[in-house]
N, C-alpha and C. Protein backbone atom coordinates (compact mmCIF):
# COMPACT_ATOMS: atom_id res chain seq x y z
N MET A 1 0.63 -1.02 -0.01
CA MET A 1 -0.10 -0.20 -0.01
C MET A 1 0.62 1.10 0.03
N THR A 2 0.48 1.76 -0.67
CA THR A 2 1.40 3.43 -0.77
C THR A 2 0.89 4.66 -0.11
N ASN A 3 1.65 5.23 0.50
CA ASN A 3 1.12 6.10 1.42
C ASN A 3 1.29 7.75 0.90
N ASN A 4 1.19 7.87 -0.39
CA ASN A 4 1.50 9.30 -0.82
C ASN A 4 0.40 10.69 -0.06
N THR A 5 -0.73 10.16 0.32
CA THR A 5 -1.78 11.07 1.00
C THR A 5 -0.85 11.84 1.96
N ILE A 6 -0.07 11.18 2.91
CA ILE A 6 0.43 11.38 3.94
C ILE A 6 1.49 12.65 3.92
N VAL A 7 2.18 12.57 2.84
CA VAL A 7 3.53 13.43 2.68
C VAL A 7 2.73 14.76 1.91
N GLY A 8 1.73 14.76 0.96
CA GLY A 8 1.16 16.17 0.49
C GLY A 8 0.23 16.51 1.77
N LYS A 9 -0.19 15.84 2.29
CA LYS A 9 -1.06 16.66 3.85
C LYS A 9 -0.12 17.12 4.56
N LYS A 10 1.09 16.38 4.94
CA LYS A 10 2.06 16.94 5.94
C LYS A 10 2.41 18.19 5.60
N ILE A 11 2.92 18.40 4.04
CA ILE A 11 3.66 19.71 3.44
C ILE A 11 2.55 20.79 3.56
N GLN A 12 1.14 20.75 3.27
CA GLN A 12 0.27 21.59 3.58
C GLN A 12 0.21 22.05 4.99
N GLY A 13 0.23 21.01 5.62
CA GLY A 13 -0.12 21.29 7.03
C GLY A 13 1.19 22.26 7.85
N ILE A 14 2.26 21.94 7.32
CA ILE A 14 3.39 22.26 7.78
C ILE A 14 3.02 23.68 7.15
N ARG A 15 2.87 23.71 6.20
CA ARG A 15 3.03 25.39 5.38
C ARG A 15 1.94 26.23 5.82
N GLU A 16 0.36 25.71 6.55
CA GLU A 16 -0.26 26.36 6.73
C GLU A 16 0.17 26.70 8.45
N SER A 17 0.84 25.98 9.02
CA SER A 17 1.01 26.18 10.40
C SER A 17 1.74 27.45 10.68
N LYS A 18 2.98 27.46 9.29
CA LYS A 18 3.75 28.94 9.49
C LYS A 18 3.04 30.05 8.71
N ASN A 19 1.70 29.90 8.33
CA ASN A 19 1.63 30.95 7.42
C ASN A 19 1.94 31.37 6.38
N LEU A 20 2.13 30.23 5.61
CA LEU A 20 2.90 30.68 4.51
C LEU A 20 2.33 30.24 3.46
N SER A 21 2.05 31.24 2.00
CA SER A 21 1.50 31.01 0.97
C SER A 21 2.21 29.86 -0.07
N ILE A 22 1.69 28.93 -0.98
CA ILE A 22 2.15 28.35 -2.25
C ILE A 22 3.28 29.21 -2.80
N GLU A 23 2.65 30.37 -3.02
CA GLU A 23 3.73 31.27 -3.45
C GLU A 23 4.70 31.54 -2.90
N GLU A 24 4.85 31.84 -1.66
CA GLU A 24 6.07 31.92 -0.80
C GLU A 24 7.13 30.84 -1.23
N ILE A 25 6.40 29.89 -0.98
CA ILE A 25 7.09 28.27 -0.79
C ILE A 25 7.41 28.29 -2.24
N SER A 26 6.95 28.47 -3.36
CA SER A 26 7.34 28.51 -4.71
C SER A 26 8.82 29.50 -4.68
N GLU A 27 8.56 30.64 -4.47
CA GLU A 27 9.93 31.76 -4.55
C GLU A 27 10.94 31.15 -3.62
N ARG A 28 10.68 30.69 -2.23
CA ARG A 28 11.85 29.76 -1.75
C ARG A 28 12.56 28.73 -2.26
N SER A 29 11.51 27.97 -2.63
CA SER A 29 12.14 26.67 -3.38
C SER A 29 12.74 26.82 -4.61
N GLY A 30 12.20 27.56 -5.65
CA GLY A 30 12.49 27.53 -6.90
C GLY A 30 11.22 26.71 -7.66
N LEU A 31 10.52 26.11 -6.81
CA LEU A 31 9.51 25.58 -7.67
C LEU A 31 8.17 26.12 -7.89
N SER A 32 7.72 25.40 -9.27
CA SER A 32 6.39 26.60 -9.51
C SER A 32 5.24 25.98 -8.75
N ALA A 33 4.55 27.26 -8.34
CA ALA A 33 3.32 27.04 -7.34
C ALA A 33 2.43 26.07 -7.73
N GLU A 34 2.36 25.68 -9.40
CA GLU A 34 1.35 24.61 -9.68
C GLU A 34 2.21 23.27 -9.15
N GLN A 35 3.37 22.94 -9.04
CA GLN A 35 3.88 22.01 -8.96
C GLN A 35 3.89 21.77 -7.52
N ILE A 36 4.06 22.93 -6.69
CA ILE A 36 3.75 22.57 -5.58
C ILE A 36 2.22 21.90 -4.97
N GLN A 37 1.15 22.85 -5.53
CA GLN A 37 -0.24 22.69 -5.06
C GLN A 37 -0.32 21.06 -5.73
N SER A 38 0.03 20.46 -6.56
CA SER A 38 -0.32 19.20 -7.05
C SER A 38 0.32 18.30 -6.23
N ILE A 39 1.72 18.67 -5.63
CA ILE A 39 1.86 17.86 -4.61
C ILE A 39 1.13 17.67 -3.18
N GLU A 40 0.47 19.19 -2.74
CA GLU A 40 -0.02 19.09 -1.87
C GLU A 40 -1.41 18.44 -1.90
N ASN A 41 -2.05 18.25 -2.76
CA ASN A 41 -3.15 17.83 -3.49
C ASN A 41 -2.96 16.21 -3.68
N ASP A 42 -1.71 15.62 -3.65
CA ASP A 42 -1.52 14.47 -4.17
C ASP A 42 -1.60 14.02 -5.43
N GLN A 43 -1.71 15.05 -6.54
CA GLN A 43 -1.87 14.45 -7.83
C GLN A 43 -0.61 14.03 -8.15
N TYR A 44 0.42 14.58 -7.74
CA TYR A 44 1.97 14.22 -8.37
C TYR A 44 2.92 14.05 -7.20
N LEU A 45 3.69 12.96 -6.79
CA LEU A 45 4.59 12.95 -6.17
C LEU A 45 5.91 12.86 -6.83
N PRO A 46 6.94 13.70 -6.77
CA PRO A 46 7.86 14.14 -7.77
C PRO A 46 9.34 13.03 -6.96
N SER A 47 10.23 13.09 -7.32
CA SER A 47 11.52 12.58 -6.83
C SER A 47 11.62 13.26 -5.70
N LEU A 48 13.15 12.73 -4.86
CA LEU A 48 13.21 13.57 -3.57
C LEU A 48 13.80 14.93 -3.72
N GLY A 49 14.47 15.35 -4.99
CA GLY A 49 15.04 16.43 -5.04
C GLY A 49 13.82 17.76 -4.54
N PRO A 50 13.00 17.78 -5.44
CA PRO A 50 11.73 18.75 -5.23
C PRO A 50 11.41 18.93 -3.60
N LEU A 51 10.93 17.42 -3.02
CA LEU A 51 10.95 17.36 -1.67
C LEU A 51 11.74 18.05 -0.84
N ILE A 52 12.97 17.79 -0.99
CA ILE A 52 14.29 18.41 -0.13
C ILE A 52 13.89 20.13 -0.29
N LYS A 53 13.92 20.28 -1.42
CA LYS A 53 13.69 22.20 -1.88
C LYS A 53 12.37 22.68 -1.04
N ILE A 54 11.46 21.84 -0.74
CA ILE A 54 10.17 22.37 0.01
C ILE A 54 10.57 22.14 1.30
N ALA A 55 11.42 21.02 1.90
CA ALA A 55 11.33 20.86 3.38
C ALA A 55 12.53 22.25 3.81
N ARG A 56 13.16 22.54 2.64
CA ARG A 56 14.25 23.61 3.01
C ARG A 56 13.56 24.91 3.22
N ALA A 57 12.60 24.84 2.42
CA ALA A 57 11.80 26.34 1.90
C ALA A 57 10.75 26.68 3.60
N LEU A 58 10.48 25.31 4.00
CA LEU A 58 9.08 25.46 5.17
C LEU A 58 10.59 25.48 6.31
N GLY A 59 11.86 25.07 6.19
CA GLY A 59 12.69 24.80 7.66
C GLY A 59 12.40 23.86 8.06
N VAL A 60 12.11 22.84 7.79
CA VAL A 60 12.17 21.65 8.50
C VAL A 60 13.12 20.49 7.75
N ARG A 61 12.94 19.53 8.55
CA ARG A 61 13.86 18.13 7.42
C ARG A 61 13.10 17.32 6.79
N LEU A 62 13.67 16.89 5.88
CA LEU A 62 12.96 16.03 4.84
C LEU A 62 12.06 14.79 5.32
N GLY A 63 12.65 14.37 6.59
CA GLY A 63 12.13 13.53 7.38
C GLY A 63 10.63 13.48 7.91
N THR A 64 10.64 14.86 8.39
CA THR A 64 9.15 15.30 8.74
C THR A 64 7.96 14.73 7.60
N PHE A 65 8.11 14.90 6.49
CA PHE A 65 7.26 14.47 5.80
C PHE A 65 7.14 13.13 5.59
N LEU A 66 8.31 12.41 5.73
CA LEU A 66 8.36 10.76 5.53
C LEU A 66 7.99 10.14 6.76
N ASP A 67 7.07 10.39 7.63
CA ASP A 67 6.67 9.95 8.65
C ASP A 67 7.67 9.96 9.89
N ASP A 68 8.29 10.97 10.17
CA ASP A 68 8.95 11.20 11.45
C ASP A 68 8.14 10.85 12.59
N ASN A 69 8.99 10.10 13.93
CA ASN A 69 8.33 10.02 14.99
C ASN A 69 9.43 10.62 16.03
N ASP A 70 8.93 10.53 17.16
CA ASP A 70 10.06 10.89 18.36
C ASP A 70 10.93 9.87 19.05
N ASP A 71 11.39 8.95 18.32
CA ASP A 71 12.23 8.02 19.11
C ASP A 71 13.73 8.34 18.84
N LEU A 72 14.36 8.80 19.80
CA LEU A 72 15.87 9.30 19.54
C LEU A 72 16.46 7.88 19.74
N GLY A 73 16.49 6.69 20.12
CA GLY A 73 17.18 5.82 19.95
C GLY A 73 17.41 5.23 19.25
N PRO A 74 17.93 3.90 18.61
CA PRO A 74 18.12 3.34 17.47
C PRO A 74 16.75 2.61 17.18
N VAL A 75 16.62 2.32 15.93
CA VAL A 75 15.57 2.08 15.24
C VAL A 75 15.93 0.89 14.28
N VAL A 76 15.44 -0.25 14.67
CA VAL A 76 15.11 -1.27 14.13
C VAL A 76 13.81 -1.87 13.29
N CYS A 77 14.44 -2.24 12.07
CA CYS A 77 13.58 -2.36 10.85
C CYS A 77 13.08 -3.52 10.53
N ARG A 78 12.64 -4.68 10.88
CA ARG A 78 12.41 -5.85 10.32
C ARG A 78 11.65 -6.04 9.05
N ALA A 79 12.50 -7.00 8.19
CA ALA A 79 11.95 -7.04 6.66
C ALA A 79 10.53 -7.56 6.68
N ALA A 80 10.20 -8.33 7.67
CA ALA A 80 8.47 -8.54 7.59
C ALA A 80 7.80 -7.23 8.04
N ASP A 81 8.24 -6.67 8.90
CA ASP A 81 7.37 -5.43 8.58
C ASP A 81 7.48 -4.19 7.77
N ARG A 82 8.69 -4.43 7.27
CA ARG A 82 8.67 -3.48 6.15
C ARG A 82 8.01 -3.91 4.95
N GLU A 83 7.64 -4.93 4.67
CA GLU A 83 6.75 -5.28 3.68
C GLU A 83 5.17 -5.19 3.95
N ARG A 84 4.99 -5.14 4.97
CA ARG A 84 3.57 -4.55 5.81
C ARG A 84 3.67 -3.26 5.54
N ASP A 85 4.28 -2.54 5.94
CA ASP A 85 4.64 -1.16 6.16
C ASP A 85 4.15 -0.39 4.89
N ARG A 86 3.54 0.85 4.88
CA ARG A 86 3.53 1.71 4.30
C ARG A 86 4.31 2.06 3.36
N SER A 87 4.46 2.33 1.88
CA SER A 87 5.68 3.03 1.30
C SER A 87 5.10 4.11 0.55
N ILE A 88 6.24 4.91 -0.07
CA ILE A 88 5.77 5.83 -0.72
C ILE A 88 6.03 5.71 -2.28
N SER A 89 5.29 5.92 -3.05
CA SER A 89 5.81 5.89 -4.65
C SER A 89 5.67 7.36 -5.25
N PHE A 90 6.99 7.59 -5.79
CA PHE A 90 7.63 8.77 -6.82
C PHE A 90 7.40 8.43 -8.37
N SER A 91 7.12 9.25 -8.80
CA SER A 91 6.96 9.11 -10.35
C SER A 91 8.53 9.50 -10.83
N ASN A 92 9.54 9.66 -10.26
CA ASN A 92 11.18 9.93 -10.63
C ASN A 92 10.88 11.02 -11.70
N ASP A 93 10.05 11.68 -11.61
CA ASP A 93 10.27 13.00 -12.54
C ASP A 93 10.08 12.74 -14.23
N ALA A 94 9.36 11.23 -14.26
CA ALA A 94 9.51 11.05 -15.88
C ALA A 94 8.27 11.57 -16.40
N THR A 95 8.15 12.10 -17.81
CA THR A 95 7.48 12.87 -18.42
C THR A 95 5.88 12.43 -18.33
N GLU A 96 5.66 11.29 -18.18
CA GLU A 96 4.19 10.82 -17.90
C GLU A 96 3.83 10.79 -16.57
N ALA A 97 4.89 11.07 -15.70
CA ALA A 97 4.58 11.33 -14.23
C ALA A 97 4.03 9.64 -13.69
N ARG A 98 4.66 8.96 -14.26
CA ARG A 98 4.13 7.53 -13.93
C ARG A 98 4.96 7.17 -12.78
N GLN A 99 4.09 6.14 -11.98
CA GLN A 99 5.07 5.92 -10.63
C GLN A 99 5.85 4.80 -10.85
N ASN A 100 7.29 5.11 -11.15
CA ASN A 100 8.37 4.04 -11.10
C ASN A 100 9.31 3.64 -10.22
N MET A 101 9.07 4.27 -8.76
CA MET A 101 9.74 4.16 -8.01
C MET A 101 9.18 3.63 -6.72
N ILE A 102 8.96 3.07 -5.73
CA ILE A 102 8.53 2.58 -4.80
C ILE A 102 9.27 2.77 -3.43
N TYR A 103 9.41 3.83 -2.73
CA TYR A 103 10.20 3.81 -1.39
C TYR A 103 9.75 3.05 -0.32
N HIS A 104 10.71 2.43 0.41
CA HIS A 104 10.38 1.62 1.86
C HIS A 104 11.14 2.02 2.64
N SER A 105 10.77 2.89 3.46
CA SER A 105 11.69 3.75 4.72
C SER A 105 12.41 2.43 5.81
N LEU A 106 13.58 2.90 5.90
CA LEU A 106 13.95 2.35 7.05
C LEU A 106 14.26 2.73 8.16
N ALA A 107 14.05 4.16 8.14
CA ALA A 107 14.04 5.00 9.57
C ALA A 107 12.97 5.64 10.13
N LYS A 108 12.30 5.52 9.45
CA LYS A 108 10.99 6.57 9.50
C LYS A 108 10.57 6.84 11.36
N GLN A 109 10.78 5.85 11.86
CA GLN A 109 10.64 6.27 13.56
C GLN A 109 11.81 7.09 14.14
N LYS A 110 13.05 7.48 13.35
CA LYS A 110 14.20 7.86 14.14
C LYS A 110 13.80 9.23 13.87
N ALA A 111 13.95 10.13 15.24
CA ALA A 111 13.76 11.41 14.99
C ALA A 111 15.11 12.25 15.03
N GLY A 112 15.47 13.14 14.48
CA GLY A 112 16.66 13.94 14.44
C GLY A 112 17.53 13.38 13.56
N ARG A 113 17.19 12.80 12.53
CA ARG A 113 18.25 11.94 11.37
C ARG A 113 18.63 12.76 10.33
N HIS A 114 19.57 12.67 9.93
CA HIS A 114 20.30 13.42 8.80
C HIS A 114 20.29 12.68 7.43
N MET A 115 20.10 11.27 7.62
CA MET A 115 20.44 10.32 6.62
C MET A 115 18.96 9.83 6.50
N GLU A 116 18.70 9.07 5.19
CA GLU A 116 17.52 8.85 4.66
C GLU A 116 17.61 7.66 4.01
N PRO A 117 17.61 6.31 4.87
CA PRO A 117 17.91 5.17 4.21
C PRO A 117 16.37 4.56 3.41
N PHE A 118 16.80 3.80 2.64
CA PHE A 118 15.49 3.71 1.58
C PHE A 118 15.83 2.14 1.07
N VAL A 119 14.90 1.06 1.02
CA VAL A 119 15.06 0.06 -0.01
C VAL A 119 13.81 0.38 -0.97
N ILE A 120 14.44 0.73 -2.54
CA ILE A 120 13.68 1.30 -3.38
C ILE A 120 13.27 0.37 -4.08
N ASP A 121 12.08 -0.33 -4.54
CA ASP A 121 12.01 -1.03 -5.81
C ASP A 121 11.85 -0.18 -7.07
N VAL A 122 12.65 -0.16 -8.08
CA VAL A 122 12.61 0.39 -9.30
C VAL A 122 11.85 -0.48 -10.63
N GLN A 123 10.74 0.23 -11.12
CA GLN A 123 9.87 -0.58 -11.86
C GLN A 123 10.58 -0.30 -13.38
N PRO A 124 10.56 -1.32 -14.28
CA PRO A 124 11.18 -1.07 -15.61
C PRO A 124 10.42 -0.05 -16.22
N SER A 125 11.25 0.79 -17.10
CA SER A 125 10.83 2.17 -17.65
C SER A 125 12.04 1.95 -19.39
N GLU A 126 11.33 2.41 -20.23
CA GLU A 126 11.62 2.52 -21.30
C GLU A 126 11.67 4.21 -21.89
N ASP A 127 11.53 4.97 -20.97
CA ASP A 127 11.22 6.39 -20.99
C ASP A 127 12.48 6.96 -21.12
N LYS A 128 13.11 7.89 -22.03
CA LYS A 128 14.35 8.32 -21.77
C LYS A 128 14.33 9.69 -21.22
N ASP A 129 13.30 10.68 -21.22
CA ASP A 129 13.16 11.75 -21.24
C ASP A 129 12.81 12.15 -19.70
N PHE A 130 14.21 11.90 -18.96
CA PHE A 130 14.16 12.14 -17.43
C PHE A 130 14.48 13.42 -17.11
N LYS A 131 14.04 14.15 -16.11
CA LYS A 131 14.38 15.58 -15.63
C LYS A 131 15.03 15.32 -14.32
N LEU A 132 16.76 15.55 -14.78
CA LEU A 132 17.81 15.66 -13.73
C LEU A 132 17.29 16.39 -12.50
N SER A 133 17.65 16.38 -10.99
CA SER A 133 17.62 17.19 -10.37
C SER A 133 18.89 17.07 -9.20
N ALA A 134 18.99 18.24 -8.60
CA ALA A 134 19.94 18.65 -8.28
C ALA A 134 19.74 19.14 -6.36
N HIS A 135 20.64 18.45 -5.75
CA HIS A 135 20.21 19.25 -3.72
C HIS A 135 21.33 18.92 -3.07
N GLU A 136 21.41 19.98 -2.20
CA GLU A 136 22.91 19.62 -1.34
C GLU A 136 22.52 18.18 -0.38
N GLY A 137 23.94 17.70 -0.39
CA GLY A 137 23.87 16.68 0.00
C GLY A 137 24.79 15.11 -0.24
N GLU A 138 24.57 13.96 -0.08
CA GLU A 138 25.33 12.93 -0.78
C GLU A 138 24.34 11.68 -0.70
N GLU A 139 24.61 11.04 -1.89
CA GLU A 139 23.76 9.84 -2.17
C GLU A 139 24.54 8.67 -1.98
N PHE A 140 24.17 7.44 -1.44
CA PHE A 140 24.81 6.24 -1.91
C PHE A 140 23.76 5.16 -2.19
N ILE A 141 24.23 4.45 -3.38
CA ILE A 141 23.30 3.61 -3.85
C ILE A 141 23.78 2.08 -4.07
N TYR A 142 22.97 0.77 -3.48
CA TYR A 142 23.62 -0.38 -3.52
C TYR A 142 22.71 -1.24 -4.39
N VAL A 143 22.90 -2.02 -5.41
CA VAL A 143 22.00 -2.67 -5.98
C VAL A 143 21.68 -3.96 -5.76
N MET A 144 20.84 -4.43 -5.08
CA MET A 144 20.57 -5.76 -4.23
C MET A 144 20.00 -6.26 -5.40
N SER A 145 19.11 -6.03 -6.54
CA SER A 145 19.26 -7.18 -7.77
C SER A 145 18.74 -6.21 -8.85
N GLY A 146 18.62 -6.72 -10.01
CA GLY A 146 18.08 -5.98 -11.16
C GLY A 146 19.57 -5.18 -11.78
N GLU A 147 19.30 -3.91 -12.59
CA GLU A 147 20.01 -2.88 -12.96
C GLU A 147 19.54 -1.85 -13.39
N VAL A 148 19.85 -0.90 -13.01
CA VAL A 148 19.57 0.76 -12.61
C VAL A 148 20.80 1.37 -13.58
N GLU A 149 20.36 2.85 -14.19
CA GLU A 149 21.08 3.37 -14.66
C GLU A 149 20.98 4.69 -13.77
N ILE A 150 22.13 5.52 -13.69
CA ILE A 150 22.30 6.68 -12.89
C ILE A 150 23.15 7.78 -13.83
N ALA A 151 21.87 8.47 -14.30
CA ALA A 151 22.42 9.82 -15.22
C ALA A 151 23.24 10.84 -14.06
N TYR A 152 24.59 11.25 -14.05
CA TYR A 152 25.21 11.90 -13.18
C TYR A 152 25.92 13.06 -14.06
N GLY A 153 25.58 14.34 -13.93
CA GLY A 153 26.28 15.16 -14.72
C GLY A 153 26.04 14.95 -16.19
N LYS A 154 27.15 14.88 -17.05
CA LYS A 154 26.90 14.38 -18.67
C LYS A 154 27.62 12.82 -18.77
N GLU A 155 27.56 12.20 -17.67
CA GLU A 155 27.56 10.86 -17.82
C GLU A 155 26.40 9.84 -17.20
N THR A 156 26.62 8.46 -17.53
CA THR A 156 25.61 7.56 -17.43
C THR A 156 26.32 6.52 -16.92
N TYR A 157 25.88 5.86 -15.44
CA TYR A 157 26.46 4.89 -15.02
C TYR A 157 25.40 3.50 -15.09
N SER A 158 26.04 2.42 -15.51
CA SER A 158 24.85 1.24 -15.18
C SER A 158 25.32 0.40 -14.12
N LEU A 159 24.45 -0.18 -13.59
CA LEU A 159 24.79 -0.73 -12.27
C LEU A 159 24.09 -2.02 -12.17
N GLN A 160 24.95 -2.94 -11.74
CA GLN A 160 24.33 -4.37 -11.86
C GLN A 160 24.24 -4.62 -10.33
N GLU A 161 23.78 -6.02 -9.93
CA GLU A 161 23.89 -6.40 -8.49
C GLU A 161 25.08 -6.78 -8.21
N GLY A 162 25.50 -5.95 -7.07
CA GLY A 162 26.31 -6.05 -6.19
C GLY A 162 27.11 -4.80 -6.31
N ASP A 163 26.79 -3.83 -7.23
CA ASP A 163 27.45 -2.35 -7.70
C ASP A 163 26.73 -1.39 -6.50
N SER A 164 27.74 -0.42 -6.55
CA SER A 164 27.50 0.52 -5.75
C SER A 164 28.13 1.97 -6.13
N ILE A 165 27.20 2.78 -5.98
CA ILE A 165 27.85 4.43 -6.23
C ILE A 165 27.51 5.14 -5.19
N PHE A 166 28.61 6.31 -5.25
CA PHE A 166 28.54 7.09 -3.90
C PHE A 166 28.78 8.60 -4.76
N TYR A 167 27.93 9.61 -4.61
CA TYR A 167 27.92 11.05 -5.21
C TYR A 167 27.55 11.93 -4.66
N ASP A 168 28.11 13.04 -4.76
CA ASP A 168 27.51 14.33 -4.47
C ASP A 168 26.40 15.00 -5.21
N SER A 169 25.06 15.07 -4.47
CA SER A 169 23.97 15.42 -5.04
C SER A 169 23.57 16.36 -5.66
N ILE A 170 24.57 17.15 -5.10
CA ILE A 170 24.69 19.08 -5.67
C ILE A 170 24.59 18.84 -7.43
N VAL A 171 25.31 17.73 -7.87
CA VAL A 171 25.54 17.48 -9.14
C VAL A 171 24.15 16.81 -9.78
N LYS A 172 23.78 17.57 -10.92
CA LYS A 172 22.34 17.13 -11.52
C LYS A 172 22.39 15.53 -11.65
N HIS A 173 21.56 14.88 -11.47
CA HIS A 173 21.36 13.40 -11.11
C HIS A 173 20.03 12.88 -11.55
N HIS A 174 19.69 11.57 -11.75
CA HIS A 174 18.32 11.03 -12.19
C HIS A 174 18.81 9.17 -11.85
N VAL A 175 18.05 8.65 -11.02
CA VAL A 175 18.03 7.12 -11.06
C VAL A 175 16.78 6.53 -11.39
N HIS A 176 17.43 5.84 -12.30
CA HIS A 176 16.00 4.97 -12.95
C HIS A 176 16.43 3.51 -13.57
N GLY A 177 15.48 2.65 -13.76
CA GLY A 177 15.74 1.45 -14.29
C GLY A 177 16.45 1.24 -15.55
N ALA A 178 17.19 0.25 -15.68
CA ALA A 178 18.03 0.14 -17.15
C ALA A 178 16.75 -0.03 -17.86
N PRO A 179 16.77 0.25 -19.37
CA PRO A 179 15.75 0.17 -20.05
C PRO A 179 15.01 -1.48 -20.02
N GLY A 180 13.85 -1.41 -19.56
CA GLY A 180 12.92 -2.52 -19.76
C GLY A 180 13.42 -3.24 -18.43
N LYS A 181 14.12 -3.02 -17.54
CA LYS A 181 14.82 -3.91 -16.34
C LYS A 181 14.02 -3.27 -15.39
N SER A 182 13.71 -4.19 -14.29
CA SER A 182 13.67 -3.73 -12.73
C SER A 182 14.94 -3.93 -11.69
N ALA A 183 14.41 -3.56 -10.64
CA ALA A 183 15.76 -3.53 -9.77
C ALA A 183 15.14 -3.18 -8.28
N LYS A 184 15.92 -3.57 -7.32
CA LYS A 184 15.52 -3.52 -5.88
C LYS A 184 17.14 -2.80 -5.58
N ILE A 185 17.12 -1.84 -5.12
CA ILE A 185 18.25 -1.05 -4.30
C ILE A 185 18.06 -0.37 -2.92
N LEU A 186 19.21 -0.46 -2.15
CA LEU A 186 19.24 0.27 -1.07
C LEU A 186 19.80 1.38 -1.18
N ALA A 187 19.12 2.73 -0.74
CA ALA A 187 19.61 3.92 -1.44
C ALA A 187 19.72 4.63 0.21
N VAL A 188 20.72 5.39 0.58
CA VAL A 188 21.13 6.59 1.72
C VAL A 188 21.41 7.54 1.13
N VAL A 189 20.18 8.37 1.62
CA VAL A 189 20.64 9.97 1.04
C VAL A 189 20.63 10.78 2.62
N TYR A 190 21.68 11.39 2.23
CA TYR A 190 22.27 12.63 3.34
C TYR A 190 22.08 14.06 3.18
N ILE A 191 21.22 14.48 3.77
CA ILE A 191 20.70 15.87 3.47
C ILE A 191 21.26 16.66 4.81
N PRO A 192 22.28 17.63 4.28
CA PRO A 192 22.69 18.43 5.87
C PRO A 192 21.44 19.54 5.81
N PHE A 193 21.38 19.76 7.34
CA PHE A 193 20.48 20.71 7.51
C PHE A 193 20.95 21.70 8.60
């Protein structure tokens, strides 16, 4: 079961609690007012890049949108629980906004975190028209199964099971399945706050 509704409603709730308009968040984040409104209305959930920009514009961590709680101690995420838990689907900024990445958070109970670890199910895609995004921080990806492509700057890297990549996310990038291939990846996103 996906849980996109929580993300849009949390963003809207935080924005309204801070008495900020969609236009103010648009100006602060560099995103269009229409894109922010569609995210709040759960019509479109983009990749992490725009959500990170909205989090910064609101003065909160990304984890605030992804089901933060108040647990300061260690968090154990059991595989059986993860499969039953709610996930978040992103369109990954493909032109037709088809949901092709399903994120399973591995630390949503952990408060005060600066890293966002996920297991991500990457659906096959033949689309080549991806919108690259950039944000502060670093990302680490390890391919658990299947094959993915990472567009990074002017290069494209093909990764197969057992391969990994670590990069600065300030460089424009995009993660997607290799043409016609699905994959399961472990991704850790570090976002300085």
